[in-house]
């Protein structure tokens, strides 16, 4: 999701980095290491659910709302 795979264009790297910064602003518990290990939105939902003590539905809704219009 936010991790860099190598061989990606500078635009892709910039976009992923910007998304990571936005995610860390929205969820302050999200460390750089956490973000760089997230492979997909389901992992982000799980992390938000566990660290915020939210229901699955609330975490999914929050992540879905944040991801709206973003390209990874």
C-alpha atoms as a PDB file:
ATOM      1  CA  UNK A   1       0.000   0.000   0.000  1.00  0.00           C
ATOM      2  CA  UNK A   2       2.515   2.646   1.146  1.00  0.00           C
ATOM      3  CA  UNK A   3       5.601   0.485   0.766  1.00  0.00           C
ATOM      4  CA  UNK A   4       8.042   1.049  -2.032  1.00  0.00           C
ATOM      5  CA  UNK A   5       8.810  -1.860  -4.332  1.00  0.00           C
ATOM      6  CA  UNK A   6      11.751  -0.493  -6.292  1.00  0.00           C
ATOM      7  CA  UNK A   7      11.634   0.503  -9.915  1.00  0.00           C
ATOM      8  CA  UNK A   8       8.644   2.770  -9.309  1.00  0.00           C
ATOM      9  CA  UNK A   9       8.556   6.156 -10.984  1.00  0.00           C
ATOM     10  CA  UNK A  10       9.302   9.289  -9.001  1.00  0.00           C
ATOM     11  CA  UNK A  11       5.635  10.288  -9.324  1.00  0.00           C
ATOM     12  CA  UNK A  12       4.466   7.027  -7.754  1.00  0.00           C
ATOM     13  CA  UNK A  13       6.945   7.379  -4.900  1.00  0.00           C
ATOM     14  CA  UNK A  14       5.833  10.987  -4.279  1.00  0.00           C
ATOM     15  CA  UNK A  15       2.165   9.985  -4.339  1.00  0.00           C
ATOM     16  CA  UNK A  16       2.682   7.089  -1.905  1.00  0.00           C
ATOM     17  CA  UNK A  17       4.731   9.303   0.410  1.00  0.00           C
ATOM     18  CA  UNK A  18       2.014  11.978   0.385  1.00  0.00           C
ATOM     19  CA  UNK A  19      -0.644   9.349   1.167  1.00  0.00           C
ATOM     20  CA  UNK A  20       1.502   8.036   4.021  1.00  0.00           C
ATOM     21  CA  UNK A  21       1.864  11.507   5.524  1.00  0.00           C
ATOM     22  CA  UNK A  22      -1.912  12.044   5.263  1.00  0.00           C
ATOM     23  CA  UNK A  23      -2.581   8.686   6.902  1.00  0.00           C
ATOM     24  CA  UNK A  24      -0.195   9.477   9.753  1.00  0.00           C
ATOM     25  CA  UNK A  25      -1.979  12.812  10.288  1.00  0.00           C
ATOM     26  CA  UNK A  26      -5.351  11.062  10.404  1.00  0.00           C
ATOM     27  CA  UNK A  27      -4.154   8.192  12.606  1.00  0.00           C
ATOM     28  CA  UNK A  28      -1.275   9.506  14.769  1.00  0.00           C
ATOM     29  CA  UNK A  29      -0.469   6.018  16.082  1.00  0.00           C
ATOM     30  CA  UNK A  30       0.643   5.008  12.577  1.00  0.00           C
ATOM     31  CA  UNK A  31       4.451   4.979  12.596  1.00  0.00           C
ATOM     32  CA  UNK A  32       6.604   5.099   9.492  1.00  0.00           C
ATOM     33  CA  UNK A  33       7.412   1.414  10.020  1.00  0.00           C
ATOM     34  CA  UNK A  34       3.713   0.553  10.404  1.00  0.00           C
ATOM     35  CA  UNK A  35       2.818   2.377   7.210  1.00  0.00           C
ATOM     36  CA  UNK A  36       5.681   0.902   5.202  1.00  0.00           C
ATOM     37  CA  UNK A  37       4.608  -2.644   6.117  1.00  0.00           C
ATOM     38  CA  UNK A  38       0.935  -2.227   5.185  1.00  0.00           C
ATOM     39  CA  UNK A  39       0.271  -4.164   2.003  1.00  0.00           C
ATOM     40  CA  UNK A  40      -3.416  -3.387   1.482  1.00  0.00           C
ATOM     41  CA  UNK A  41      -6.436  -1.578   2.868  1.00  0.00           C
ATOM     42  CA  UNK A  42      -7.546  -4.620   4.895  1.00  0.00           C
ATOM     43  CA  UNK A  43      -4.330  -4.438   6.918  1.00  0.00           C
ATOM     44  CA  UNK A  44      -4.932  -0.737   7.526  1.00  0.00           C
ATOM     45  CA  UNK A  45      -8.512  -1.457   8.645  1.00  0.00           C
ATOM     46  CA  UNK A  46      -7.232  -4.080  11.085  1.00  0.00           C
ATOM     47  CA  UNK A  47      -4.629  -1.709  12.510  1.00  0.00           C
ATOM     48  CA  UNK A  48      -7.160   1.117  12.915  1.00  0.00           C
ATOM     49  CA  UNK A  49      -9.666  -1.262  14.499  1.00  0.00           C
ATOM     50  CA  UNK A  50      -7.189  -2.641  17.022  1.00  0.00           C
ATOM     51  CA  UNK A  51      -5.423   0.563  17.962  1.00  0.00           C
ATOM     52  CA  UNK A  52      -8.556   2.712  18.202  1.00  0.00           C
ATOM     53  CA  UNK A  53     -10.656  -0.040  19.827  1.00  0.00           C
ATOM     54  CA  UNK A  54     -13.301   0.455  17.152  1.00  0.00           C
ATOM     55  CA  UNK A  55     -15.708  -2.022  15.623  1.00  0.00           C
ATOM     56  CA  UNK A  56     -14.841  -3.599  12.287  1.00  0.00           C
ATOM     57  CA  UNK A  57     -17.620  -1.599  10.640  1.00  0.00           C
ATOM     58  CA  UNK A  58     -16.382   1.740  12.026  1.00  0.00           C
ATOM     59  CA  UNK A  59     -12.772   1.036  11.049  1.00  0.00           C
ATOM     60  CA  UNK A  60     -13.802  -0.018   7.531  1.00  0.00           C
ATOM     61  CA  UNK A  61     -15.922   3.103   7.143  1.00  0.00           C
ATOM     62  CA  UNK A  62     -13.140   5.402   8.333  1.00  0.00           C
ATOM     63  CA  UNK A  63     -10.509   3.835   6.070  1.00  0.00           C
ATOM     64  CA  UNK A  64     -12.898   3.734   3.088  1.00  0.00           C
ATOM     65  CA  UNK A  65     -13.721   7.423   3.585  1.00  0.00           C
ATOM     66  CA  UNK A  66     -10.026   8.333   3.793  1.00  0.00           C
ATOM     67  CA  UNK A  67      -9.124   6.263   0.706  1.00  0.00           C
ATOM     68  CA  UNK A  68     -11.837   7.811  -1.461  1.00  0.00           C
ATOM     69  CA  UNK A  69     -10.285   9.223  -4.619  1.00  0.00           C
ATOM     70  CA  UNK A  70      -6.763   8.079  -3.796  1.00  0.00           C
ATOM     71  CA  UNK A  71      -4.660   5.978  -6.157  1.00  0.00           C
ATOM     72  CA  UNK A  72      -2.039   3.657  -4.705  1.00  0.00           C
END
